[in-house]
Protein backbone atom coordinates (compact mmCIF):
# COMPACT_ATOMS: atom_id res chain seq x y z
CA MET A 1 254.84 98.79 36.77
CA LEU A 2 252.97 95.77 35.41
CA ALA A 3 254.16 92.31 36.34
CA SER A 4 252.89 88.82 35.67
CA ALA A 5 251.97 86.90 38.79
CA GLY A 6 254.94 84.88 39.96
CA VAL A 7 257.06 85.33 36.80
CA LYS A 8 260.43 87.04 37.28
CA TRP A 9 263.62 87.54 35.33
CA PRO A 10 266.44 85.40 36.78
CA ASN A 11 269.13 87.18 38.83
CA GLU A 12 271.72 86.14 36.23
CA PHE A 13 269.90 88.25 33.65
CA TYR A 14 270.39 91.42 35.73
CA GLU A 15 274.07 90.59 36.19
CA LEU A 16 274.53 90.10 32.45
CA LYS A 17 272.60 93.29 31.75
CA ARG A 18 275.16 95.15 33.87
CA GLY A 19 277.92 93.45 31.86
CA GLU A 20 278.97 91.04 34.61
CA GLY A 21 280.22 87.88 32.91
CA CYS A 22 278.94 88.96 29.47
CA PRO A 23 280.17 86.37 26.93
CA MET A 24 279.89 88.81 24.00
CA CYS A 25 282.22 91.24 25.78
CA ALA A 26 284.60 88.45 26.79
CA GLN A 27 284.98 87.06 23.27
CA GLY A 28 286.58 90.19 21.84
CA ARG A 29 286.24 90.37 18.05
CA PRO A 30 286.87 86.84 16.77
CA GLU A 31 286.69 85.79 13.12
CA GLU A 32 284.57 82.82 14.18
CA THR A 33 282.43 81.92 17.16
CA GLU A 34 280.58 78.71 17.92
CA TYR A 35 277.52 80.40 16.39
CA GLY A 36 278.84 82.05 13.26
CA ILE A 37 281.57 83.40 10.99
CA ARG A 38 282.30 87.12 10.70
CA PHE A 39 281.83 88.59 7.24
CA PHE A 40 281.93 92.27 8.19
CA ALA A 41 284.09 94.02 10.79
CA GLY A 42 283.09 97.63 11.23
CA GLU A 43 284.28 100.35 13.52
CA VAL A 44 281.82 99.41 16.29
CA ALA A 45 280.12 96.20 15.17
CA ASP A 46 280.79 92.76 13.70
CA ALA A 47 278.36 90.84 11.47
CA TYR A 48 278.30 87.05 11.80
CA LEU A 49 276.62 84.70 9.35
CA GLN A 50 275.00 82.13 11.60
CA ARG A 51 275.76 78.40 11.52
CA ALA A 52 272.26 77.43 12.67
CA LYS A 53 270.07 76.06 9.90
CA ILE A 54 267.29 78.55 10.54
CA GLN A 55 267.32 80.59 7.33
CA ARG A 56 270.01 81.10 4.70
CA GLY A 57 271.70 84.42 5.40
CA TYR A 58 270.56 84.64 9.02
CA THR A 59 273.02 87.12 10.55
CA VAL A 60 273.71 88.57 13.99
CA VAL A 61 275.38 92.00 14.17
CA VAL A 62 277.11 92.51 17.54
CA TRP A 63 277.94 95.87 19.15
CA ARG A 64 281.65 95.80 20.01
CA GLY A 65 282.08 98.91 22.13
CA ARG A 66 281.68 99.03 25.90
CA HIS A 67 278.94 96.80 27.31
CA VAL A 68 275.43 98.07 26.59
CA ALA A 69 272.20 96.12 26.67
CA GLU A 70 269.92 98.60 24.89
CA PRO A 71 270.44 100.87 21.87
CA THR A 72 269.16 103.72 24.04
CA GLU A 73 272.41 103.48 26.04
CA LEU A 74 274.44 104.58 23.00
CA SER A 75 275.44 108.18 22.42
CA PRO A 76 273.98 109.73 19.27
CA GLU A 77 277.33 109.26 17.50
CA GLU A 78 277.63 105.62 18.60
CA ALA A 79 274.04 104.91 17.59
CA ALA A 80 274.57 106.43 14.14
CA GLN A 81 277.71 104.35 13.57
CA TYR A 82 276.10 101.15 14.87
CA TRP A 83 273.04 101.45 12.64
CA LEU A 84 275.19 102.35 9.61
CA GLU A 85 277.11 99.12 10.17
CA VAL A 86 273.93 97.06 10.68
CA LEU A 87 272.69 98.48 7.38
CA GLU A 88 275.99 97.59 5.66
CA ALA A 89 275.49 93.98 6.72
CA GLY A 90 271.93 94.16 5.37
CA ARG A 91 273.10 95.61 2.05
CA ARG A 92 275.59 92.79 1.61
CA LEU A 93 272.88 90.22 2.34
CA GLU A 94 270.52 91.88 -0.15
CA LEU A 95 273.16 91.98 -2.85
CA HIS A 96 274.29 88.38 -2.40
CA LEU A 97 271.06 86.57 -1.52
CA GLN A 98 268.39 88.86 -3.01
CA PRO A 99 265.68 88.29 -0.40
CA VAL A 100 262.21 89.75 -0.79
CA LYS A 101 262.58 91.48 2.61
CA LEU A 102 264.99 91.76 5.53
CA ASN A 103 263.84 91.80 9.15
CA TYR A 104 265.94 93.62 11.75
CA ASP A 105 265.28 92.39 15.28
CA VAL A 106 266.88 93.86 18.39
CA LEU A 107 266.23 91.25 21.06
CA GLY A 108 268.57 90.46 23.96
CA ASN A 109 266.03 88.62 26.08
CA SER A 110 268.42 85.75 26.76
CA LEU A 111 271.73 87.64 26.41
CA PRO A 112 271.37 91.36 27.19
CA HIS A 113 274.25 92.70 25.09
CA LEU A 114 273.28 94.91 22.14
CA HIS A 115 272.99 92.85 18.98
CA THR A 116 270.67 92.82 15.99
CA HIS A 117 269.32 89.75 14.23
CA VAL A 118 269.06 90.29 10.47
CA VAL A 119 266.72 87.73 8.92
CA PRO A 120 266.30 87.44 5.14
CA ARG A 121 262.78 86.63 3.97
CA TYR A 122 262.44 84.86 0.61
CA ALA A 123 259.67 84.23 -1.93
CA ASP A 124 259.06 80.78 -0.39
CA ASP A 125 258.87 82.27 3.13
CA PRO A 126 257.28 79.99 5.77
CA LYS A 127 255.05 82.79 7.08
CA PRO A 128 254.88 85.86 4.81
CA GLY A 129 253.47 88.98 6.42
CA TRP A 130 254.31 87.78 9.95
CA PRO A 131 257.45 87.71 12.12
CA PHE A 132 259.84 84.95 11.13
CA PRO A 133 258.89 81.67 12.84
CA PHE A 134 262.07 80.63 14.65
CA PRO A 135 262.14 76.90 15.44
CA GLU A 136 261.61 75.82 19.03
CA ASP A 137 263.90 72.80 18.65
CA GLU A 138 267.61 72.74 17.77
CA PRO A 139 267.70 73.45 14.01
CA GLY A 140 271.02 71.77 13.20
CA GLN A 141 273.74 73.49 11.18
CA ILE A 142 274.06 74.79 7.63
CA ASP A 143 276.34 72.83 5.30
CA GLU A 144 279.90 74.08 6.01
CA ASP A 145 280.81 74.54 2.32
CA GLU A 146 277.66 76.58 1.65
CA LEU A 147 278.25 78.66 4.79
CA ARG A 148 281.86 79.45 3.90
CA GLY A 149 280.93 80.22 0.29
CA ASP A 150 278.32 82.71 1.48
CA VAL A 151 280.78 84.24 3.95
CA GLU A 152 283.36 84.81 1.21
CA ALA A 153 280.79 86.42 -1.09
CA LEU A 154 279.50 88.61 1.75
CA ARG A 155 283.05 89.68 2.66
CA ARG A 156 283.61 90.81 -0.91
CA GLY A 157 280.20 92.47 -0.97
CA LEU A 158 279.33 90.68 -4.19
CA GLY A 159 276.02 89.37 -5.43
């Protein structure tokens, strides 16, 4: 096993990875969180349009079954359903916002509960051909009226 000298994951990370105190599990399936508004509620996942002013259409799709940190922990049936629902969120984003490309990122480095970041990439992209450059500083929030308008269109699945 390779390790960087002196760099370790915090103990809290291992606890969260086991599901101990996981905030995504504790929140249930709310319509809104402090981070976003749900526009799609599937059988096993919820898609939330994010409030952060990072990129219009930036969405996080959250696994809503038992606690898992990695997609490899899903059964084949669960995995198939999860990815079908992630793709449904992506289709709605494509139809409504018409990006040039969508990026699907499975991260979990800060909160190890299975979730997928769906990031639209547009013609005026800040870094075409590269991973999306997330800001290091607090990005602020999207205008509430624009956010809610996008949520309503995404719920209807309309362009």
